[in-house]
Amino acid sequence: MFDFEQSIAENAAGKVLICAHRGVSGGNIPCNTAAAFSAALAQGADMIELDVTKTLDGEYFVFHPGKEHAHLGSRRLLSAMTAKSAARLRYVNQDNDKTQFGLDRLCDVLDQLRGKCYINVDKFWTDIPGISREIRRAGVEKQVVVKTALKEQYLRPLKECAADFMFMPIVRDEDTVTDLLVRQGINCIGAEVLFEKEDAPVASPAYIEAMHKKGMLLFVNAIVYNYKAVLSAGHNDDISVSGSPEQGWGWLLRQGFDIIQTDWCGMLKAYMRGAYSA
């Protein structure tokens, strides 16, 4: 259990945090559900990543926008539905059969996770003022890490509504912004780094060491949401769980990254403890 009165850097000192991508799903348990988040906590997740979508009438649900057809069997977007209609939907499982699981409201999930782990809120940029209000209403400001791309249309409302929230910009290949964000009064705690090649500046030992000296953390992705989108120079979950964990998770750990986002939370935890070798 973390002491959320301390900084995330203090809580992460001497360890690597595991971030469960949309919780832990599989079998009949869909991602981005309360059940998936419970599974992630049971498997040792330190942080849970979740997505937020807003309905036509302004209700916030935990769901990845644009995935309605794949995850709900619906061709209508949640953004075009009322909350009442959205609440009637049921997830489908990996065999495309309907499950007993419906959509969870953001407020309920924040209540579920209060005091238990860090919460990485994705799609925060889709409605920074509204999602910020939900986070404050739930009283989880000190647990939540938010992120956006580096666009003025996102940074302006961030400064106005959530400058105190822990923030990580999404940085590709080279970081030219974290120091600037700190000077602007944003609570920048590090960066989520994306890189296609091992020699990218954001993957270099010199950059990682420099960030650590400033008390900054580096969030890296082992997930594969599309095999054509290379997020961490190919050092990913697919390689790790299918025979080469040293080339996947092992490389990310040896580089010195602080937070690893994965779809295989339990296996990564076991690997880090030395209990797993493919």
C-alpha atoms as a PDB file:
ATOM      1  CA  MET A   1       0.000   0.000   0.000  1.00  0.00           C
ATOM      2  CA  PHE A   2       1.303   3.441  -0.905  1.00  0.00           C
ATOM      3  CA  ASP A   3       1.352   6.527   1.259  1.00  0.00           C
ATOM      4  CA  PHE A   4      -0.371   8.963  -1.087  1.00  0.00           C
ATOM      5  CA  GLU A   5       0.678  11.877   1.097  1.00  0.00           C
ATOM      6  CA  GLN A   6       4.195  11.232  -0.208  1.00  0.00           C
ATOM      7  CA  SER A   7       5.252  11.957  -3.774  1.00  0.00           C
ATOM      8  CA  ILE A   8       5.029   9.189  -6.345  1.00  0.00           C
ATOM      9  CA  ALA A   9       8.817   9.416  -6.720  1.00  0.00           C
ATOM     10  CA  GLU A  10       9.193   8.661  -3.001  1.00  0.00           C
ATOM     11  CA  ASN A  11       6.778   5.732  -3.245  1.00  0.00           C
ATOM     12  CA  ALA A  12       8.571   4.401  -6.325  1.00  0.00           C
ATOM     13  CA  ALA A  13      12.057   4.697  -4.833  1.00  0.00           C
ATOM     14  CA  GLY A  14      13.991   1.466  -5.304  1.00  0.00           C
ATOM     15  CA  LYS A  15      11.284  -0.279  -7.290  1.00  0.00           C
ATOM     16  CA  VAL A  16       9.597  -0.385 -10.695  1.00  0.00           C
ATOM     17  CA  LEU A  17       5.856   0.227 -10.748  1.00  0.00           C
ATOM     18  CA  ILE A  18       3.616  -2.066 -12.777  1.00  0.00           C
ATOM     19  CA  CYS A  19       0.762  -0.342 -14.609  1.00  0.00           C
ATOM     20  CA  ALA A  20      -2.069  -2.653 -15.680  1.00  0.00           C
ATOM     21  CA  HIS A  21      -3.334  -1.594 -19.110  1.00  0.00           C
ATOM     22  CA  ARG A  22      -7.138  -1.313 -18.757  1.00  0.00           C
ATOM     23  CA  GLY A  23      -6.855  -3.659 -15.790  1.00  0.00           C
ATOM     24  CA  VAL A  24      -6.308  -7.380 -16.333  1.00  0.00           C
ATOM     25  CA  SER A  25      -8.709  -8.992 -18.800  1.00  0.00           C
ATOM     26  CA  GLY A  26      -9.097 -12.385 -20.405  1.00  0.00           C
ATOM     27  CA  GLY A  27     -11.548 -15.242 -20.666  1.00  0.00           C
ATOM     28  CA  ASN A  28     -14.917 -13.770 -19.753  1.00  0.00           C
ATOM     29  CA  ILE A  29     -13.515 -10.688 -17.950  1.00  0.00           C
ATOM     30  CA  PRO A  30     -13.539  -7.632 -20.260  1.00  0.00           C
ATOM     31  CA  CYS A  31     -11.015  -4.819 -20.011  1.00  0.00           C
ATOM     32  CA  ASN A  32     -11.870  -1.429 -18.489  1.00  0.00           C
ATOM     33  CA  THR A  33     -14.289  -2.966 -15.994  1.00  0.00           C
ATOM     34  CA  ALA A  34     -14.412  -3.093 -12.211  1.00  0.00           C
ATOM     35  CA  ALA A  35     -13.745  -6.838 -12.462  1.00  0.00           C
ATOM     36  CA  ALA A  36     -10.621  -6.252 -14.578  1.00  0.00           C
ATOM     37  CA  PHE A  37      -9.373  -3.703 -12.050  1.00  0.00           C
ATOM     38  CA  SER A  38      -9.944  -6.130  -9.167  1.00  0.00           C
ATOM     39  CA  ALA A  39      -7.981  -8.757 -11.085  1.00  0.00           C
ATOM     40  CA  ALA A  40      -5.148  -6.278 -11.628  1.00  0.00           C
ATOM     41  CA  LEU A  41      -4.942  -5.485  -7.927  1.00  0.00           C
ATOM     42  CA  ALA A  42      -4.950  -9.208  -7.120  1.00  0.00           C
ATOM     43  CA  GLN A  43      -2.007  -9.669  -9.498  1.00  0.00           C
ATOM     44  CA  GLY A  44       0.014  -6.925  -7.856  1.00  0.00           C
ATOM     45  CA  ALA A  45      -0.595  -3.849 -10.017  1.00  0.00           C
ATOM     46  CA  ASP A  46       0.760  -0.613  -8.566  1.00  0.00           C
ATOM     47  CA  MET A  47      -1.114   1.528 -11.078  1.00  0.00           C
ATOM     48  CA  ILE A  48      -4.197   0.934 -13.192  1.00  0.00           C
ATOM     49  CA  GLU A  49      -4.691   2.593 -16.554  1.00  0.00           C
ATOM     50  CA  LEU A  50      -8.249   3.306 -17.618  1.00  0.00           C
ATOM     51  CA  ASP A  51     -10.020   5.168 -20.411  1.00  0.00           C
ATOM     52  CA  VAL A  52     -12.867   7.644 -20.138  1.00  0.00           C
ATOM     53  CA  THR A  53     -15.761   8.317 -22.516  1.00  0.00           C
ATOM     54  CA  LYS A  54     -18.578  10.846 -22.084  1.00  0.00           C
ATOM     55  CA  THR A  55     -22.123  10.150 -23.201  1.00  0.00           C
ATOM     56  CA  LEU A  56     -24.341  12.548 -25.113  1.00  0.00           C
ATOM     57  CA  ASP A  57     -25.917  13.801 -21.893  1.00  0.00           C
ATOM     58  CA  GLY A  58     -22.622  14.292 -20.059  1.00  0.00           C
ATOM     59  CA  GLU A  59     -22.156  11.103 -18.007  1.00  0.00           C
ATOM     60  CA  TYR A  60     -18.632   9.652 -17.738  1.00  0.00           C
ATOM     61  CA  PHE A  61     -18.053   5.941 -18.254  1.00  0.00           C
ATOM     62  CA  VAL A  62     -14.846   3.928 -18.157  1.00  0.00           C
ATOM     63  CA  PHE A  63     -14.488   2.884 -21.778  1.00  0.00           C
ATOM     64  CA  HIS A  64     -12.056   3.344 -24.660  1.00  0.00           C
ATOM     65  CA  PRO A  65     -13.782   5.605 -27.200  1.00  0.00           C
ATOM     66  CA  GLY A  66     -14.029   4.074 -30.639  1.00  0.00           C
ATOM     67  CA  LYS A  67     -14.031   0.477 -29.367  1.00  0.00           C
ATOM     68  CA  GLU A  68     -17.811   0.137 -29.133  1.00  0.00           C
ATOM     69  CA  HIS A  69     -18.124  -2.402 -31.926  1.00  0.00           C
ATOM     70  CA  ALA A  70     -15.199  -4.543 -30.747  1.00  0.00           C
ATOM     71  CA  HIS A  71     -16.037  -4.554 -27.034  1.00  0.00           C
ATOM     72  CA  LEU A  72     -19.798  -4.000 -26.911  1.00  0.00           C
ATOM     73  CA  GLY A  73     -21.014  -5.267 -30.267  1.00  0.00           C
ATOM     74  CA  SER A  74     -22.537  -1.840 -30.877  1.00  0.00           C
ATOM     75  CA  ARG A  75     -22.031   0.287 -33.966  1.00  0.00           C
ATOM     76  CA  ARG A  76     -23.173   3.405 -32.096  1.00  0.00           C
ATOM     77  CA  LEU A  77     -20.602   5.504 -30.266  1.00  0.00           C
ATOM     78  CA  LEU A  78     -21.177   6.145 -26.587  1.00  0.00           C
ATOM     79  CA  SER A  79     -20.763   9.838 -27.313  1.00  0.00           C
ATOM     80  CA  ALA A  80     -23.978   9.596 -29.367  1.00  0.00           C
ATOM     81  CA  MET A  81     -25.936   7.754 -26.648  1.00  0.00           C
ATOM     82  CA  THR A  82     -27.612   8.824 -23.436  1.00  0.00           C
ATOM     83  CA  ALA A  83     -26.305   7.397 -20.171  1.00  0.00           C
ATOM     84  CA  LYS A  84     -29.512   5.355 -19.846  1.00  0.00           C
ATOM     85  CA  SER A  85     -28.887   3.692 -23.204  1.00  0.00           C
ATOM     86  CA  ALA A  86     -25.209   3.128 -22.410  1.00  0.00           C
ATOM     87  CA  ALA A  87     -26.078   1.476 -19.104  1.00  0.00           C
ATOM     88  CA  ARG A  88     -28.113  -1.183 -20.930  1.00  0.00           C
ATOM     89  CA  LEU A  89     -25.112  -2.352 -22.980  1.00  0.00           C
ATOM     90  CA  ARG A  90     -23.127  -5.460 -22.109  1.00  0.00           C
ATOM     91  CA  TYR A  91     -19.534  -6.270 -22.955  1.00  0.00           C
ATOM     92  CA  VAL A  92     -18.708  -9.204 -25.182  1.00  0.00           C
ATOM     93  CA  ASN A  93     -15.928 -11.602 -24.217  1.00  0.00           C
ATOM     94  CA  GLN A  94     -13.024 -12.821 -26.332  1.00  0.00           C
ATOM     95  CA  ASP A  95     -15.359 -15.240 -28.135  1.00  0.00           C
ATOM     96  CA  ASN A  96     -17.686 -12.345 -28.956  1.00  0.00           C
ATOM     97  CA  ASP A  97     -20.372 -13.697 -26.641  1.00  0.00           C
ATOM     98  CA  LYS A  98     -22.224 -11.299 -24.369  1.00  0.00           C
ATOM     99  CA  THR A  99     -21.121 -11.183 -20.743  1.00  0.00           C
ATOM    100  CA  GLN A 100     -22.855 -10.146 -17.550  1.00  0.00           C
ATOM    101  CA  PHE A 101     -20.634  -7.058 -17.365  1.00  0.00           C
ATOM    102  CA  GLY A 102     -21.993  -3.638 -18.170  1.00  0.00           C
ATOM    103  CA  LEU A 103     -20.254  -0.305 -18.396  1.00  0.00           C
ATOM    104  CA  ASP A 104     -18.903   1.176 -15.169  1.00  0.00           C
ATOM    105  CA  ARG A 105     -19.336   4.832 -14.389  1.00  0.00           C
ATOM    106  CA  LEU A 106     -16.102   6.711 -13.769  1.00  0.00           C
ATOM    107  CA  CYS A 107     -17.306   7.863 -10.350  1.00  0.00           C
ATOM    108  CA  ASP A 108     -17.863   4.257  -9.237  1.00  0.00           C
ATOM    109  CA  VAL A 109     -14.456   3.088 -10.446  1.00  0.00           C
ATOM    110  CA  LEU A 110     -12.695   5.980  -8.726  1.00  0.00           C
ATOM    111  CA  ASP A 111     -14.506   4.979  -5.536  1.00  0.00           C
ATOM    112  CA  GLN A 112     -13.405   1.376  -6.053  1.00  0.00           C
ATOM    113  CA  LEU A 113      -9.732   2.338  -6.430  1.00  0.00           C
ATOM    114  CA  ARG A 114      -9.577   5.013  -3.736  1.00  0.00           C
ATOM    115  CA  GLY A 115      -6.574   4.386  -1.494  1.00  0.00           C
ATOM    116  CA  LYS A 116      -5.529   1.210  -3.332  1.00  0.00           C
ATOM    117  CA  CYS A 117      -3.238   2.158  -6.224  1.00  0.00           C
ATOM    118  CA  TYR A 118      -2.216   4.907  -8.600  1.00  0.00           C
ATOM    119  CA  ILE A 119      -4.689   5.598 -11.411  1.00  0.00           C
ATOM    120  CA  ASN A 120      -3.526   6.542 -14.888  1.00  0.00           C
ATOM    121  CA  VAL A 121      -6.435   8.334 -16.580  1.00  0.00           C
ATOM    122  CA  ASP A 122      -6.222   8.025 -20.357  1.00  0.00           C
ATOM    123  CA  LYS A 123      -8.330  10.119 -22.747  1.00  0.00           C
ATOM    124  CA  PHE A 124      -8.142  12.855 -20.104  1.00  0.00           C
ATOM    125  CA  TRP A 125      -7.688  15.383 -22.892  1.00  0.00           C
ATOM    126  CA  THR A 126     -11.153  14.698 -24.309  1.00  0.00           C
ATOM    127  CA  ASP A 127     -12.745  16.750 -21.507  1.00  0.00           C
ATOM    128  CA  ILE A 128     -10.161  18.089 -19.075  1.00  0.00           C
ATOM    129  CA  PRO A 129     -12.559  20.310 -17.049  1.00  0.00           C
ATOM    130  CA  GLY A 130     -15.260  17.652 -16.688  1.00  0.00           C
ATOM    131  CA  ILE A 131     -12.974  14.710 -15.884  1.00  0.00           C
ATOM    132  CA  SER A 132     -11.035  16.886 -13.431  1.00  0.00           C
ATOM    133  CA  ARG A 133     -14.271  17.592 -11.570  1.00  0.00           C
ATOM    134  CA  GLU A 134     -15.000  13.866 -11.308  1.00  0.00           C
ATOM    135  CA  ILE A 135     -11.514  13.206  -9.935  1.00  0.00           C
ATOM    136  CA  ARG A 136     -11.857  15.956  -7.332  1.00  0.00           C
ATOM    137  CA  ARG A 137     -15.365  14.839  -6.402  1.00  0.00           C
ATOM    138  CA  ALA A 138     -14.009  11.332  -5.706  1.00  0.00           C
ATOM    139  CA  GLY A 139     -11.126  12.733  -3.648  1.00  0.00           C
ATOM    140  CA  VAL A 140      -8.420  10.805  -5.526  1.00  0.00           C
ATOM    141  CA  GLU A 141      -6.336  13.754  -6.742  1.00  0.00           C
ATOM    142  CA  LYS A 142      -3.193  12.376  -5.088  1.00  0.00           C
ATOM    143  CA  GLN A 143      -3.591   8.987  -6.772  1.00  0.00           C
ATOM    144  CA  VAL A 144      -4.285  10.136 -10.308  1.00  0.00           C
ATOM    145  CA  VAL A 145      -1.703  10.584 -13.056  1.00  0.00           C
ATOM    146  CA  VAL A 146      -3.014  12.322 -16.164  1.00  0.00           C
ATOM    147  CA  LYS A 147      -1.452  12.723 -19.582  1.00  0.00           C
ATOM    148  CA  THR A 148      -1.967  14.530 -22.859  1.00  0.00           C
ATOM    149  CA  ALA A 149      -0.141  15.143 -26.067  1.00  0.00           C
ATOM    150  CA  LEU A 150       1.736  18.427 -26.202  1.00  0.00           C
ATOM    151  CA  LYS A 151      -0.841  20.631 -27.867  1.00  0.00           C
ATOM    152  CA  GLU A 152      -1.868  24.073 -26.673  1.00  0.00           C
ATOM    153  CA  GLN A 153      -5.529  23.078 -26.884  1.00  0.00           C
ATOM    154  CA  TYR A 154      -4.820  20.568 -24.093  1.00  0.00           C
ATOM    155  CA  LEU A 155      -2.230  22.461 -22.062  1.00  0.00           C
ATOM    156  CA  ARG A 156      -4.414  25.531 -21.615  1.00  0.00           C
ATOM    157  CA  PRO A 157      -7.269  23.729 -19.816  1.00  0.00           C
ATOM    158  CA  LEU A 158      -4.731  21.610 -17.943  1.00  0.00           C
ATOM    159  CA  LYS A 159      -3.204  24.764 -16.449  1.00  0.00           C
ATOM    160  CA  GLU A 160      -6.644  26.144 -15.644  1.00  0.00           C
ATOM    161  CA  CYS A 161      -8.302  23.037 -14.189  1.00  0.00           C
ATOM    162  CA  ALA A 162      -5.659  20.517 -13.147  1.00  0.00           C
ATOM    163  CA  ALA A 163      -2.252  22.146 -12.698  1.00  0.00           C
ATOM    164  CA  ASP A 164      -1.919  20.346  -9.335  1.00  0.00           C
ATOM    165  CA  PHE A 165      -2.591  16.864 -10.752  1.00  0.00           C
ATOM    166  CA  MET A 166       0.404  14.617 -11.417  1.00  0.00           C
ATOM    167  CA  PHE A 167       1.029  15.064 -15.130  1.00  0.00           C
ATOM    168  CA  MET A 168       3.078  13.183 -17.701  1.00  0.00           C
ATOM    169  CA  PRO A 169       3.380  14.535 -21.232  1.00  0.00           C
ATOM    170  CA  ILE A 170       3.471  11.949 -24.006  1.00  0.00           C
ATOM    171  CA  VAL A 171       6.906  12.367 -25.579  1.00  0.00           C
ATOM    172  CA  ARG A 172       8.155  10.677 -28.730  1.00  0.00           C
ATOM    173  CA  ASP A 173      11.899  10.113 -29.245  1.00  0.00           C
ATOM    174  CA  GLU A 174      13.155  13.314 -27.605  1.00  0.00           C
ATOM    175  CA  ASP A 175      12.059  15.266 -24.534  1.00  0.00           C
ATOM    176  CA  THR A 176      12.205  19.042 -24.902  1.00  0.00           C
ATOM    177  CA  VAL A 177       9.240  19.872 -22.669  1.00  0.00           C
ATOM    178  CA  THR A 178       9.365  18.536 -19.114  1.00  0.00           C
ATOM    179  CA  ASP A 179      11.509  21.360 -17.749  1.00  0.00           C
ATOM    180  CA  LEU A 180       9.325  23.908 -19.531  1.00  0.00           C
ATOM    181  CA  LEU A 181       6.160  22.413 -18.039  1.00  0.00           C
ATOM    182  CA  VAL A 182       7.600  22.627 -14.531  1.00  0.00           C
ATOM    183  CA  ARG A 183       8.476  26.288 -15.080  1.00  0.00           C
ATOM    184  CA  GLN A 184       4.881  26.878 -16.193  1.00  0.00           C
ATOM    185  CA  GLY A 185       3.585  25.662 -12.843  1.00  0.00           C
ATOM    186  CA  ILE A 186       2.340  22.252 -14.000  1.00  0.00           C
ATOM    187  CA  ASN A 187       2.958  19.328 -11.629  1.00  0.00           C
ATOM    188  CA  CYS A 188       5.030  17.422 -14.185  1.00  0.00           C
ATOM    189  CA  ILE A 189       6.329  14.233 -12.554  1.00  0.00           C
ATOM    190  CA  GLY A 190       8.101  12.818 -15.617  1.00  0.00           C
ATOM    191  CA  ALA A 191       7.161  11.634 -19.090  1.00  0.00           C
ATOM    192  CA  GLU A 192       5.535   8.793 -20.963  1.00  0.00           C
ATOM    193  CA  VAL A 193       8.131   8.005 -23.590  1.00  0.00           C
ATOM    194  CA  LEU A 194       7.546   6.420 -27.003  1.00  0.00           C
ATOM    195  CA  PHE A 195      10.413   5.308 -29.208  1.00  0.00           C
ATOM    196  CA  GLU A 196      10.835   3.045 -32.218  1.00  0.00           C
ATOM    197  CA  LYS A 197      14.605   2.544 -31.915  1.00  0.00           C
ATOM    198  CA  GLU A 198      16.854   1.713 -28.996  1.00  0.00           C
ATOM    199  CA  ASP A 199      19.122   4.680 -29.693  1.00  0.00           C
ATOM    200  CA  ALA A 200      16.319   7.246 -29.301  1.00  0.00           C
ATOM    201  CA  PRO A 201      17.303  10.010 -26.852  1.00  0.00           C
ATOM    202  CA  VAL A 202      14.441   9.178 -24.450  1.00  0.00           C
ATOM    203  CA  ALA A 203      15.729   5.607 -24.113  1.00  0.00           C
ATOM    204  CA  SER A 204      19.328   6.584 -23.423  1.00  0.00           C
ATOM    205  CA  PRO A 205      20.924   5.938 -20.016  1.00  0.00           C
ATOM    206  CA  ALA A 206      22.080   9.577 -19.930  1.00  0.00           C
ATOM    207  CA  TYR A 207      18.542  10.946 -20.300  1.00  0.00           C
ATOM    208  CA  ILE A 208      17.086   8.467 -17.815  1.00  0.00           C
ATOM    209  CA  GLU A 209      19.786   9.289 -15.255  1.00  0.00           C
ATOM    210  CA  ALA A 210      19.263  13.031 -15.764  1.00  0.00           C
ATOM    211  CA  MET A 211      15.523  12.674 -15.218  1.00  0.00           C
ATOM    212  CA  HIS A 212      16.085  10.640 -12.065  1.00  0.00           C
ATOM    213  CA  LYS A 213      18.401  13.300 -10.675  1.00  0.00           C
ATOM    214  CA  LYS A 214      15.541  15.786 -11.071  1.00  0.00           C
ATOM    215  CA  GLY A 215      13.141  13.443  -9.272  1.00  0.00           C
ATOM    216  CA  MET A 216      11.289  12.622 -12.510  1.00  0.00           C
ATOM    217  CA  LEU A 217       9.843   9.234 -13.428  1.00  0.00           C
ATOM    218  CA  LEU A 218       9.712   7.587 -16.848  1.00  0.00           C
ATOM    219  CA  PHE A 219       6.674   5.604 -17.986  1.00  0.00           C
ATOM    220  CA  VAL A 220       7.229   3.085 -20.792  1.00  0.00           C
ATOM    221  CA  ASN A 221       4.876   0.811 -22.709  1.00  0.00           C
ATOM    222  CA  ALA A 222       5.317  -2.932 -23.047  1.00  0.00           C
ATOM    223  CA  ILE A 223       1.780  -3.202 -24.447  1.00  0.00           C
ATOM    224  CA  VAL A 224       1.030  -4.022 -28.073  1.00  0.00           C
ATOM    225  CA  TYR A 225      -2.289  -2.565 -29.201  1.00  0.00           C
ATOM    226  CA  ASN A 226      -1.308  -2.742 -32.875  1.00  0.00           C
ATOM    227  CA  TYR A 227       1.795  -4.615 -33.979  1.00  0.00           C
ATOM    228  CA  LYS A 228       2.539  -1.891 -36.539  1.00  0.00           C
ATOM    229  CA  ALA A 229       2.774   0.752 -33.805  1.00  0.00           C
ATOM    230  CA  VAL A 230       6.215   0.337 -32.218  1.00  0.00           C
ATOM    231  CA  LEU A 231       6.139   1.899 -28.763  1.00  0.00           C
ATOM    232  CA  SER A 232       9.356   0.696 -27.114  1.00  0.00           C
ATOM    233  CA  ALA A 233      11.746  -0.454 -29.844  1.00  0.00           C
ATOM    234  CA  GLY A 234      10.093  -3.874 -29.912  1.00  0.00           C
ATOM    235  CA  HIS A 235      10.767  -4.683 -26.242  1.00  0.00           C
ATOM    236  CA  ASN A 236       7.189  -5.641 -25.524  1.00  0.00           C
ATOM    237  CA  ASP A 237       4.708  -8.018 -23.937  1.00  0.00           C
ATOM    238  CA  ASP A 238       4.453 -10.229 -27.021  1.00  0.00           C
ATOM    239  CA  ILE A 239       8.149 -11.072 -26.912  1.00  0.00           C
ATOM    240  CA  SER A 240       8.163 -11.402 -23.148  1.00  0.00           C
ATOM    241  CA  VAL A 241       5.329 -13.926 -22.814  1.00  0.00           C
ATOM    242  CA  SER A 242       6.267 -16.002 -25.853  1.00  0.00           C
ATOM    243  CA  GLY A 243       9.811 -16.985 -25.010  1.00  0.00           C
ATOM    244  CA  SER A 244      12.116 -13.990 -24.588  1.00  0.00           C
ATOM    245  CA  PRO A 245      11.319 -12.022 -21.424  1.00  0.00           C
ATOM    246  CA  GLU A 246      14.943 -10.892 -21.165  1.00  0.00           C
ATOM    247  CA  GLN A 247      14.599  -9.149 -24.530  1.00  0.00           C
ATOM    248  CA  GLY A 248      11.244  -7.666 -23.608  1.00  0.00           C
ATOM    249  CA  TRP A 249      10.631  -6.704 -19.998  1.00  0.00           C
ATOM    250  CA  GLY A 250      14.243  -7.375 -19.058  1.00  0.00           C
ATOM    251  CA  TRP A 251      15.563  -4.737 -21.443  1.00  0.00           C
ATOM    252  CA  LEU A 252      13.098  -2.142 -20.144  1.00  0.00           C
ATOM    253  CA  LEU A 253      14.076  -2.909 -16.563  1.00  0.00           C
ATOM    254  CA  ARG A 254      17.804  -2.758 -17.295  1.00  0.00           C
ATOM    255  CA  GLN A 255      17.413   0.634 -18.975  1.00  0.00           C
ATOM    256  CA  GLY A 256      16.038   2.027 -15.739  1.00  0.00           C
ATOM    257  CA  PHE A 257      12.442   2.913 -16.610  1.00  0.00           C
ATOM    258  CA  ASP A 258      10.257   3.480 -13.558  1.00  0.00           C
ATOM    259  CA  ILE A 259       6.748   2.468 -14.685  1.00  0.00           C
ATOM    260  CA  ILE A 260       6.016  -0.332 -17.159  1.00  0.00           C
ATOM    261  CA  GLN A 261       2.552  -0.573 -18.666  1.00  0.00           C
ATOM    262  CA  THR A 262       1.606  -4.140 -19.493  1.00  0.00           C
ATOM    263  CA  ASP A 263      -1.301  -6.411 -20.382  1.00  0.00           C
ATOM    264  CA  TRP A 264       0.352  -9.274 -18.481  1.00  0.00           C
ATOM    265  CA  CYS A 265       0.561  -7.877 -14.984  1.00  0.00           C
ATOM    266  CA  GLY A 266       0.943 -11.131 -13.063  1.00  0.00           C
ATOM    267  CA  MET A 267       3.621 -12.538 -15.357  1.00  0.00           C
ATOM    268  CA  LEU A 268       5.627  -9.314 -15.259  1.00  0.00           C
ATOM    269  CA  LYS A 269       5.384  -9.313 -11.454  1.00  0.00           C
ATOM    270  CA  ALA A 270       6.612 -12.914 -11.352  1.00  0.00           C
ATOM    271  CA  TYR A 271       9.445 -12.117 -13.765  1.00  0.00           C
ATOM    272  CA  MET A 272      10.563  -9.197 -11.619  1.00  0.00           C
ATOM    273  CA  ARG A 273      10.596 -11.511  -8.596  1.00  0.00           C
ATOM    274  CA  GLY A 274      12.668 -14.042 -10.521  1.00  0.00           C
ATOM    275  CA  ALA A 275       9.901 -16.633 -10.473  1.00  0.00           C
ATOM    276  CA  TYR A 276       9.165 -16.634 -14.198  1.00  0.00           C
ATOM    277  CA  SER A 277      11.294 -17.624 -17.144  1.00  0.00           C
ATOM    278  CA  ALA A 278       9.749 -18.506 -20.498  1.00  0.00           C
END
